Amino acid sequence: IEMDLAYYAQPRVGSSMHSPLNCL
């Protein structure tokens, strides 16, 4: 199982934080 964890100290309000549904 591949684990991919991305942390954002201040994610842009209104962003999707690179959601797979948007990026893939």
mmCIF file of all heavy atoms, coordinates in Angstrom:
data_MODEL
# 
_entry.id   MODEL 
# 
loop_
_atom_site.group_PDB 
_atom_site.id 
_atom_site.type_symbol 
_atom_site.label_atom_id 
_atom_site.label_alt_id 
_atom_site.label_comp_id 
_atom_site.label_asym_id 
_atom_site.label_entity_id 
_atom_site.label_seq_id 
_atom_site.pdbx_PDB_ins_code 
_atom_site.Cartn_x 
_atom_site.Cartn_y 
_atom_site.Cartn_z 
_atom_site.occupancy 
_atom_site.B_iso_or_equiv 
_atom_site.pdbx_formal_charge 
_atom_site.auth_seq_id 
_atom_site.auth_comp_id 
_atom_site.auth_asym_id 
_atom_site.auth_atom_id 
_atom_site.pdbx_PDB_model_num 
ATOM 1   N N   . ILE A 1 1  ? 0.864   -1.172 0.000   1.00 0.00 ? 1  ILE A N   1 
ATOM 2   C CA  . ILE A 1 1  ? 0.000   0.000  0.000   1.00 0.00 ? 1  ILE A CA  1 
ATOM 3   C C   . ILE A 1 1  ? 0.906   1.229  0.000   1.00 0.00 ? 1  ILE A C   1 
ATOM 4   O O   . ILE A 1 1  ? 1.811   1.349  0.829   1.00 0.00 ? 1  ILE A O   1 
ATOM 5   C CB  . ILE A 1 1  ? -0.923  0.034  1.233   1.00 0.00 ? 1  ILE A CB  1 
ATOM 6   C CG1 . ILE A 1 1  ? -1.926  -1.120 1.169   1.00 0.00 ? 1  ILE A CG1 1 
ATOM 7   C CG2 . ILE A 1 1  ? -1.649  1.376  1.331   1.00 0.00 ? 1  ILE A CG2 1 
ATOM 8   C CD1 . ILE A 1 1  ? -2.826  -1.226 2.400   1.00 0.00 ? 1  ILE A CD1 1 
ATOM 9   N N   . GLU A 1 2  ? 0.653   2.120  -0.934  1.00 0.00 ? 2  GLU A N   1 
ATOM 10  C CA  . GLU A 1 2  ? 1.426   3.358  -1.004  1.00 0.00 ? 2  GLU A CA  1 
ATOM 11  C C   . GLU A 1 2  ? 0.698   4.449  -0.215  1.00 0.00 ? 2  GLU A C   1 
ATOM 12  O O   . GLU A 1 2  ? -0.499  4.667  -0.402  1.00 0.00 ? 2  GLU A O   1 
ATOM 13  C CB  . GLU A 1 2  ? 1.607   3.777  -2.462  1.00 0.00 ? 2  GLU A CB  1 
ATOM 14  C CG  . GLU A 1 2  ? 2.640   4.881  -2.656  1.00 0.00 ? 2  GLU A CG  1 
ATOM 15  C CD  . GLU A 1 2  ? 3.073   5.032  -4.108  1.00 0.00 ? 2  GLU A CD  1 
ATOM 16  O OE1 . GLU A 1 2  ? 2.816   4.093  -4.911  1.00 0.00 ? 2  GLU A OE1 1 
ATOM 17  O OE2 . GLU A 1 2  ? 3.667   6.073  -4.435  1.00 0.00 ? 2  GLU A OE2 1 
ATOM 18  N N   . MET A 1 3  ? 1.426   5.102  0.673   1.00 0.00 ? 3  MET A N   1 
ATOM 19  C CA  . MET A 1 3  ? 0.864   6.200  1.456   1.00 0.00 ? 3  MET A CA  1 
ATOM 20  C C   . MET A 1 3  ? 1.495   7.510  1.022   1.00 0.00 ? 3  MET A C   1 
ATOM 21  O O   . MET A 1 3  ? 2.712   7.640  0.942   1.00 0.00 ? 3  MET A O   1 
ATOM 22  C CB  . MET A 1 3  ? 1.111   6.003  2.950   1.00 0.00 ? 3  MET A CB  1 
ATOM 23  C CG  . MET A 1 3  ? 0.471   7.089  3.808   1.00 0.00 ? 3  MET A CG  1 
ATOM 24  S SD  . MET A 1 3  ? 0.876   6.985  5.582   1.00 0.00 ? 3  MET A SD  1 
ATOM 25  C CE  . MET A 1 3  ? 2.529   7.716  5.581   1.00 0.00 ? 3  MET A CE  1 
ATOM 26  N N   . ASP A 1 4  ? 0.651   8.473  0.757   1.00 0.00 ? 4  ASP A N   1 
ATOM 27  C CA  . ASP A 1 4  ? 1.072   9.775  0.248   1.00 0.00 ? 4  ASP A CA  1 
ATOM 28  C C   . ASP A 1 4  ? 0.387   10.819 1.126   1.00 0.00 ? 4  ASP A C   1 
ATOM 29  O O   . ASP A 1 4  ? -0.840  10.939 1.100   1.00 0.00 ? 4  ASP A O   1 
ATOM 30  C CB  . ASP A 1 4  ? 0.632   9.847  -1.220  1.00 0.00 ? 4  ASP A CB  1 
ATOM 31  C CG  . ASP A 1 4  ? 0.898   11.179 -1.871  1.00 0.00 ? 4  ASP A CG  1 
ATOM 32  O OD1 . ASP A 1 4  ? 0.210   12.148 -1.521  1.00 0.00 ? 4  ASP A OD1 1 
ATOM 33  O OD2 . ASP A 1 4  ? 1.754   11.240 -2.756  1.00 0.00 ? 4  ASP A OD2 1 
ATOM 34  N N   . LEU A 1 5  ? 1.159   11.545 1.931   1.00 0.00 ? 5  LEU A N   1 
ATOM 35  C CA  . LEU A 1 5  ? 0.597   12.514 2.873   1.00 0.00 ? 5  LEU A CA  1 
ATOM 36  C C   . LEU A 1 5  ? 1.200   13.880 2.590   1.00 0.00 ? 5  LEU A C   1 
ATOM 37  O O   . LEU A 1 5  ? 2.423   14.049 2.633   1.00 0.00 ? 5  LEU A O   1 
ATOM 38  C CB  . LEU A 1 5  ? 0.882   12.072 4.309   1.00 0.00 ? 5  LEU A CB  1 
ATOM 39  C CG  . LEU A 1 5  ? 0.305   12.898 5.463   1.00 0.00 ? 5  LEU A CG  1 
ATOM 40  C CD1 . LEU A 1 5  ? 0.214   12.045 6.720   1.00 0.00 ? 5  LEU A CD1 1 
ATOM 41  C CD2 . LEU A 1 5  ? 1.135   14.149 5.759   1.00 0.00 ? 5  LEU A CD2 1 
ATOM 42  N N   . ALA A 1 6  ? 0.347   14.843 2.290   1.00 0.00 ? 6  ALA A N   1 
ATOM 43  C CA  . ALA A 1 6  ? 0.798   16.213 2.025   1.00 0.00 ? 6  ALA A CA  1 
ATOM 44  C C   . ALA A 1 6  ? 0.180   17.137 3.071   1.00 0.00 ? 6  ALA A C   1 
ATOM 45  O O   . ALA A 1 6  ? -1.042  17.188 3.213   1.00 0.00 ? 6  ALA A O   1 
ATOM 46  C CB  . ALA A 1 6  ? 0.398   16.652 0.629   1.00 0.00 ? 6  ALA A CB  1 
ATOM 47  N N   . TYR A 1 7  ? 1.033   17.860 3.788   1.00 0.00 ? 7  TYR A N   1 
ATOM 48  C CA  . TYR A 1 7  ? 0.591   18.759 4.860   1.00 0.00 ? 7  TYR A CA  1 
ATOM 49  C C   . TYR A 1 7  ? 0.793   20.198 4.427   1.00 0.00 ? 7  TYR A C   1 
ATOM 50  O O   . TYR A 1 7  ? 1.831   20.563 3.862   1.00 0.00 ? 7  TYR A O   1 
ATOM 51  C CB  . TYR A 1 7  ? 1.383   18.469 6.135   1.00 0.00 ? 7  TYR A CB  1 
ATOM 52  C CG  . TYR A 1 7  ? 1.293   19.569 7.183   1.00 0.00 ? 7  TYR A CG  1 
ATOM 53  C CD1 . TYR A 1 7  ? 0.205   19.649 8.046   1.00 0.00 ? 7  TYR A CD1 1 
ATOM 54  C CD2 . TYR A 1 7  ? 2.310   20.527 7.293   1.00 0.00 ? 7  TYR A CD2 1 
ATOM 55  C CE1 . TYR A 1 7  ? 0.124   20.656 9.001   1.00 0.00 ? 7  TYR A CE1 1 
ATOM 56  C CE2 . TYR A 1 7  ? 2.238   21.534 8.250   1.00 0.00 ? 7  TYR A CE2 1 
ATOM 57  C CZ  . TYR A 1 7  ? 1.138   21.601 9.089   1.00 0.00 ? 7  TYR A CZ  1 
ATOM 58  O OH  . TYR A 1 7  ? 1.065   22.602 10.030  1.00 0.00 ? 7  TYR A OH  1 
ATOM 59  N N   . TYR A 1 8  ? -0.201  21.031 4.757   1.00 0.00 ? 8  TYR A N   1 
ATOM 60  C CA  . TYR A 1 8  ? -0.151  22.452 4.418   1.00 0.00 ? 8  TYR A CA  1 
ATOM 61  C C   . TYR A 1 8  ? -0.351  23.268 5.693   1.00 0.00 ? 8  TYR A C   1 
ATOM 62  O O   . TYR A 1 8  ? -1.367  23.132 6.375   1.00 0.00 ? 8  TYR A O   1 
ATOM 63  C CB  . TYR A 1 8  ? -1.231  22.797 3.392   1.00 0.00 ? 8  TYR A CB  1 
ATOM 64  C CG  . TYR A 1 8  ? -1.045  22.056 2.093   1.00 0.00 ? 8  TYR A CG  1 
ATOM 65  C CD1 . TYR A 1 8  ? -1.603  20.789 1.917   1.00 0.00 ? 8  TYR A CD1 1 
ATOM 66  C CD2 . TYR A 1 8  ? -0.274  22.586 1.066   1.00 0.00 ? 8  TYR A CD2 1 
ATOM 67  C CE1 . TYR A 1 8  ? -1.407  20.082 0.744   1.00 0.00 ? 8  TYR A CE1 1 
ATOM 68  C CE2 . TYR A 1 8  ? -0.080  21.886 -0.114  1.00 0.00 ? 8  TYR A CE2 1 
ATOM 69  C CZ  . TYR A 1 8  ? -0.638  20.639 -0.273  1.00 0.00 ? 8  TYR A CZ  1 
ATOM 70  O OH  . TYR A 1 8  ? -0.445  19.939 -1.440  1.00 0.00 ? 8  TYR A OH  1 
ATOM 71  N N   . ALA A 1 9  ? 0.636   24.102 6.018   1.00 0.00 ? 9  ALA A N   1 
ATOM 72  C CA  . ALA A 1 9  ? 0.550   24.908 7.232   1.00 0.00 ? 9  ALA A CA  1 
ATOM 73  C C   . ALA A 1 9  ? -0.584  25.932 7.133   1.00 0.00 ? 9  ALA A C   1 
ATOM 74  O O   . ALA A 1 9  ? -1.277  26.204 8.120   1.00 0.00 ? 9  ALA A O   1 
ATOM 75  C CB  . ALA A 1 9  ? 1.876   25.617 7.490   1.00 0.00 ? 9  ALA A CB  1 
ATOM 76  N N   . GLN A 1 10 ? -0.776  26.479 5.929   1.00 0.00 ? 10 GLN A N   1 
ATOM 77  C CA  . GLN A 1 10 ? -1.870  27.420 5.702   1.00 0.00 ? 10 GLN A CA  1 
ATOM 78  C C   . GLN A 1 10 ? -2.467  27.159 4.320   1.00 0.00 ? 10 GLN A C   1 
ATOM 79  O O   . GLN A 1 10 ? -2.186  27.887 3.364   1.00 0.00 ? 10 GLN A O   1 
ATOM 80  C CB  . GLN A 1 10 ? -1.399  28.865 5.824   1.00 0.00 ? 10 GLN A CB  1 
ATOM 81  C CG  . GLN A 1 10 ? -1.046  29.277 7.245   1.00 0.00 ? 10 GLN A CG  1 
ATOM 82  C CD  . GLN A 1 10 ? -0.976  30.786 7.412   1.00 0.00 ? 10 GLN A CD  1 
ATOM 83  O OE1 . GLN A 1 10 ? -0.854  31.538 6.465   1.00 0.00 ? 10 GLN A OE1 1 
ATOM 84  N NE2 . GLN A 1 10 ? -1.047  31.240 8.647   1.00 0.00 ? 10 GLN A NE2 1 
ATOM 85  N N   . PRO A 1 11 ? -3.266  26.105 4.193   1.00 0.00 ? 11 PRO A N   1 
ATOM 86  C CA  . PRO A 1 11 ? -3.880  25.823 2.897   1.00 0.00 ? 11 PRO A CA  1 
ATOM 87  C C   . PRO A 1 11 ? -4.722  27.001 2.443   1.00 0.00 ? 11 PRO A C   1 
ATOM 88  O O   . PRO A 1 11 ? -5.337  27.693 3.255   1.00 0.00 ? 11 PRO A O   1 
ATOM 89  C CB  . PRO A 1 11 ? -4.743  24.590 3.165   1.00 0.00 ? 11 PRO A CB  1 
ATOM 90  C CG  . PRO A 1 11 ? -4.937  24.551 4.638   1.00 0.00 ? 11 PRO A CG  1 
ATOM 91  C CD  . PRO A 1 11 ? -3.722  25.176 5.232   1.00 0.00 ? 11 PRO A CD  1 
ATOM 92  N N   . ARG A 1 12 ? -4.718  27.236 1.147   1.00 0.00 ? 12 ARG A N   1 
ATOM 93  C CA  . ARG A 1 12 ? -5.480  28.368 0.621   1.00 0.00 ? 12 ARG A CA  1 
ATOM 94  C C   . ARG A 1 12 ? -6.963  28.136 0.841   1.00 0.00 ? 12 ARG A C   1 
ATOM 95  O O   . ARG A 1 12 ? -7.513  27.108 0.450   1.00 0.00 ? 12 ARG A O   1 
ATOM 96  C CB  . ARG A 1 12 ? -5.184  28.547 -0.875  1.00 0.00 ? 12 ARG A CB  1 
ATOM 97  C CG  . ARG A 1 12 ? -5.841  29.777 -1.490  1.00 0.00 ? 12 ARG A CG  1 
ATOM 98  C CD  . ARG A 1 12 ? -5.285  30.028 -2.876  1.00 0.00 ? 12 ARG A CD  1 
ATOM 99  N NE  . ARG A 1 12 ? -5.505  28.891 -3.764  1.00 0.00 ? 12 ARG A NE  1 
ATOM 100 C CZ  . ARG A 1 12 ? -6.637  28.701 -4.451  1.00 0.00 ? 12 ARG A CZ  1 
ATOM 101 N NH1 . ARG A 1 12 ? -7.643  29.549 -4.335  1.00 0.00 ? 12 ARG A NH1 1 
ATOM 102 N NH2 . ARG A 1 12 ? -6.765  27.654 -5.248  1.00 0.00 ? 12 ARG A NH2 1 
ATOM 103 N N   . VAL A 1 13 ? -7.605  29.079 1.499   1.00 0.00 ? 13 VAL A N   1 
ATOM 104 C CA  . VAL A 1 13 ? -9.031  28.960 1.774   1.00 0.00 ? 13 VAL A CA  1 
ATOM 105 C C   . VAL A 1 13 ? -9.781  28.868 0.459   1.00 0.00 ? 13 VAL A C   1 
ATOM 106 O O   . VAL A 1 13 ? -9.593  29.681 -0.442  1.00 0.00 ? 13 VAL A O   1 
ATOM 107 C CB  . VAL A 1 13 ? -9.526  30.158 2.603   1.00 0.00 ? 13 VAL A CB  1 
ATOM 108 C CG1 . VAL A 1 13 ? -11.033 30.101 2.774   1.00 0.00 ? 13 VAL A CG1 1 
ATOM 109 C CG2 . VAL A 1 13 ? -8.843  30.184 3.961   1.00 0.00 ? 13 VAL A CG2 1 
ATOM 110 N N   . GLY A 1 14 ? -10.619 27.839 0.331   1.00 0.00 ? 14 GLY A N   1 
ATOM 111 C CA  . GLY A 1 14 ? -11.358 27.620 -0.909  1.00 0.00 ? 14 GLY A CA  1 
ATOM 112 C C   . GLY A 1 14 ? -10.704 26.616 -1.835  1.00 0.00 ? 14 GLY A C   1 
ATOM 113 O O   . GLY A 1 14 ? -11.283 26.211 -2.829  1.00 0.00 ? 14 GLY A O   1 
ATOM 114 N N   . SER A 1 15 ? -9.484  26.154 -1.479  1.00 0.00 ? 15 SER A N   1 
ATOM 115 C CA  . SER A 1 15 ? -8.797  25.183 -2.322  1.00 0.00 ? 15 SER A CA  1 
ATOM 116 C C   . SER A 1 15 ? -9.206  23.766 -1.945  1.00 0.00 ? 15 SER A C   1 
ATOM 117 O O   . SER A 1 15 ? -9.815  23.530 -0.911  1.00 0.00 ? 15 SER A O   1 
ATOM 118 C CB  . SER A 1 15 ? -7.278  25.331 -2.175  1.00 0.00 ? 15 SER A CB  1 
ATOM 119 O OG  . SER A 1 15 ? -6.855  24.820 -0.924  1.00 0.00 ? 15 SER A OG  1 
ATOM 120 N N   . SER A 1 16 ? -8.855  22.809 -2.797  1.00 0.00 ? 16 SER A N   1 
ATOM 121 C CA  . SER A 1 16 ? -9.202  21.409 -2.535  1.00 0.00 ? 16 SER A CA  1 
ATOM 122 C C   . SER A 1 16 ? -7.994  20.589 -2.102  1.00 0.00 ? 16 SER A C   1 
ATOM 123 O O   . SER A 1 16 ? -8.071  19.377 -1.998  1.00 0.00 ? 16 SER A O   1 
ATOM 124 C CB  . SER A 1 16 ? -9.820  20.782 -3.786  1.00 0.00 ? 16 SER A CB  1 
ATOM 125 O OG  . SER A 1 16 ? -8.900  20.835 -4.859  1.00 0.00 ? 16 SER A OG  1 
ATOM 126 N N   . MET A 1 17 ? -6.833  21.235 -1.871  1.00 0.00 ? 17 MET A N   1 
ATOM 127 C CA  . MET A 1 17 ? -5.632  20.554 -1.376  1.00 0.00 ? 17 MET A CA  1 
ATOM 128 C C   . MET A 1 17 ? -5.265  19.346 -2.244  1.00 0.00 ? 17 MET A C   1 
ATOM 129 O O   . MET A 1 17 ? -4.924  18.289 -1.751  1.00 0.00 ? 17 MET A O   1 
ATOM 130 C CB  . MET A 1 17 ? -5.832  20.116 0.082   1.00 0.00 ? 17 MET A CB  1 
ATOM 131 C CG  . MET A 1 17 ? -5.941  21.279 1.054   1.00 0.00 ? 17 MET A CG  1 
ATOM 132 S SD  . MET A 1 17 ? -6.366  20.761 2.735   1.00 0.00 ? 17 MET A SD  1 
ATOM 133 C CE  . MET A 1 17 ? -5.013  19.678 3.126   1.00 0.00 ? 17 MET A CE  1 
ATOM 134 N N   . HIS A 1 18 ? -5.327  19.524 -3.547  1.00 0.00 ? 18 HIS A N   1 
ATOM 135 C CA  . HIS A 1 18 ? -4.936  18.468 -4.484  1.00 0.00 ? 18 HIS A CA  1 
ATOM 136 C C   . HIS A 1 18 ? -5.744  17.189 -4.282  1.00 0.00 ? 18 HIS A C   1 
ATOM 137 O O   . HIS A 1 18 ? -5.199  16.085 -4.208  1.00 0.00 ? 18 HIS A O   1 
ATOM 138 C CB  . HIS A 1 18 ? -3.439  18.191 -4.396  1.00 0.00 ? 18 HIS A CB  1 
ATOM 139 C CG  . HIS A 1 18 ? -2.597  19.373 -4.794  1.00 0.00 ? 18 HIS A CG  1 
ATOM 140 N ND1 . HIS A 1 18 ? -2.396  19.726 -6.105  1.00 0.00 ? 18 HIS A ND1 1 
ATOM 141 C CD2 . HIS A 1 18 ? -1.950  20.306 -4.054  1.00 0.00 ? 18 HIS A CD2 1 
ATOM 142 C CE1 . HIS A 1 18 ? -1.633  20.807 -6.159  1.00 0.00 ? 18 HIS A CE1 1 
ATOM 143 N NE2 . HIS A 1 18 ? -1.353  21.180 -4.928  1.00 0.00 ? 18 HIS A NE2 1 
ATOM 144 N N   . SER A 1 19 ? -7.033  17.339 -4.204  1.00 0.00 ? 19 SER A N   1 
ATOM 145 C CA  . SER A 1 19 ? -7.928  16.186 -4.099  1.00 0.00 ? 19 SER A CA  1 
ATOM 146 C C   . SER A 1 19 ? -7.791  15.292 -5.320  1.00 0.00 ? 19 SER A C   1 
ATOM 147 O O   . SER A 1 19 ? -7.723  15.782 -6.455  1.00 0.00 ? 19 SER A O   1 
ATOM 148 C CB  . SER A 1 19 ? -9.378  16.670 -3.989  1.00 0.00 ? 19 SER A CB  1 
ATOM 149 O OG  . SER A 1 19 ? -10.275 15.661 -4.385  1.00 0.00 ? 19 SER A OG  1 
ATOM 150 N N   . PRO A 1 20 ? -7.754  13.973 -5.129  1.00 0.00 ? 20 PRO A N   1 
ATOM 151 C CA  . PRO A 1 20 ? -7.688  13.063 -6.284  1.00 0.00 ? 20 PRO A CA  1 
ATOM 152 C C   . PRO A 1 20 ? -8.836  13.254 -7.276  1.00 0.00 ? 20 PRO A C   1 
ATOM 153 O O   . PRO A 1 20 ? -8.638  13.097 -8.479  1.00 0.00 ? 20 PRO A O   1 
ATOM 154 C CB  . PRO A 1 20 ? -7.750  11.671 -5.635  1.00 0.00 ? 20 PRO A CB  1 
ATOM 155 C CG  . PRO A 1 20 ? -7.183  11.870 -4.270  1.00 0.00 ? 20 PRO A CG  1 
ATOM 156 C CD  . PRO A 1 20 ? -7.642  13.240 -3.846  1.00 0.00 ? 20 PRO A CD  1 
ATOM 157 N N   . LEU A 1 21 ? -10.024 13.605 -6.781  1.00 0.00 ? 21 LEU A N   1 
ATOM 158 C CA  . LEU A 1 21 ? -11.155 13.790 -7.703  1.00 0.00 ? 21 LEU A CA  1 
ATOM 159 C C   . LEU A 1 21 ? -10.917 14.954 -8.650  1.00 0.00 ? 21 LEU A C   1 
ATOM 160 O O   . LEU A 1 21 ? -11.460 14.975 -9.761  1.00 0.00 ? 21 LEU A O   1 
ATOM 161 C CB  . LEU A 1 21 ? -12.449 14.026 -6.915  1.00 0.00 ? 21 LEU A CB  1 
ATOM 162 C CG  . LEU A 1 21 ? -12.989 12.854 -6.106  1.00 0.00 ? 21 LEU A CG  1 
ATOM 163 C CD1 . LEU A 1 21 ? -14.372 13.199 -5.551  1.00 0.00 ? 21 LEU A CD1 1 
ATOM 164 C CD2 . LEU A 1 21 ? -13.074 11.578 -6.946  1.00 0.00 ? 21 LEU A CD2 1 
ATOM 165 N N   . ASN A 1 22 ? -10.093 15.914 -8.235  1.00 0.00 ? 22 ASN A N   1 
ATOM 166 C CA  . ASN A 1 22 ? -9.791  17.056 -9.094  1.00 0.00 ? 22 ASN A CA  1 
ATOM 167 C C   . ASN A 1 22 ? -8.527  16.858 -9.903  1.00 0.00 ? 22 ASN A C   1 
ATOM 168 O O   . ASN A 1 22 ? -8.444  17.309 -11.051 1.00 0.00 ? 22 ASN A O   1 
ATOM 169 C CB  . ASN A 1 22 ? -9.657  18.329 -8.241  1.00 0.00 ? 22 ASN A CB  1 
ATOM 170 C CG  . ASN A 1 22 ? -10.958 18.702 -7.565  1.00 0.00 ? 22 ASN A CG  1 
ATOM 171 O OD1 . ASN A 1 22 ? -12.037 18.423 -8.074  1.00 0.00 ? 22 ASN A OD1 1 
ATOM 172 N ND2 . ASN A 1 22 ? -10.871 19.336 -6.406  1.00 0.00 ? 22 ASN A ND2 1 
ATOM 173 N N   . CYS A 1 23 ? -7.532  16.200 -9.307  1.00 0.00 ? 23 CYS A N   1 
ATOM 174 C CA  . CYS A 1 23 ? -6.220  16.109 -9.953  1.00 0.00 ? 23 CYS A CA  1 
ATOM 175 C C   . CYS A 1 23 ? -6.088  14.938 -10.929 1.00 0.00 ? 23 CYS A C   1 
ATOM 176 O O   . CYS A 1 23 ? -5.475  15.076 -11.995 1.00 0.00 ? 23 CYS A O   1 
ATOM 177 C CB  . CYS A 1 23 ? -5.133  16.001 -8.887  1.00 0.00 ? 23 CYS A CB  1 
ATOM 178 S SG  . CYS A 1 23 ? -4.984  17.456 -7.835  1.00 0.00 ? 23 CYS A SG  1 
ATOM 179 N N   . LEU A 1 24 ? -6.630  13.769 -10.571 1.00 0.00 ? 24 LEU A N   1 
ATOM 180 C CA  . LEU A 1 24 ? -6.395  12.581 -11.393 1.00 0.00 ? 24 LEU A CA  1 
ATOM 181 C C   . LEU A 1 24 ? -6.977  12.672 -12.799 1.00 0.00 ? 24 LEU A C   1 
ATOM 182 O O   . LEU A 1 24 ? -6.316  12.262 -13.764 1.00 0.00 ? 24 LEU A O   1 
ATOM 183 C CB  . LEU A 1 24 ? -6.928  11.335 -10.674 1.00 0.00 ? 24 LEU A CB  1 
ATOM 184 C CG  . LEU A 1 24 ? -6.127  10.901 -9.437  1.00 0.00 ? 24 LEU A CG  1 
ATOM 185 C CD1 . LEU A 1 24 ? -6.759  9.664  -8.810  1.00 0.00 ? 24 LEU A CD1 1 
ATOM 186 C CD2 . LEU A 1 24 ? -4.675  10.616 -9.794  1.00 0.00 ? 24 LEU A CD2 1 
# 
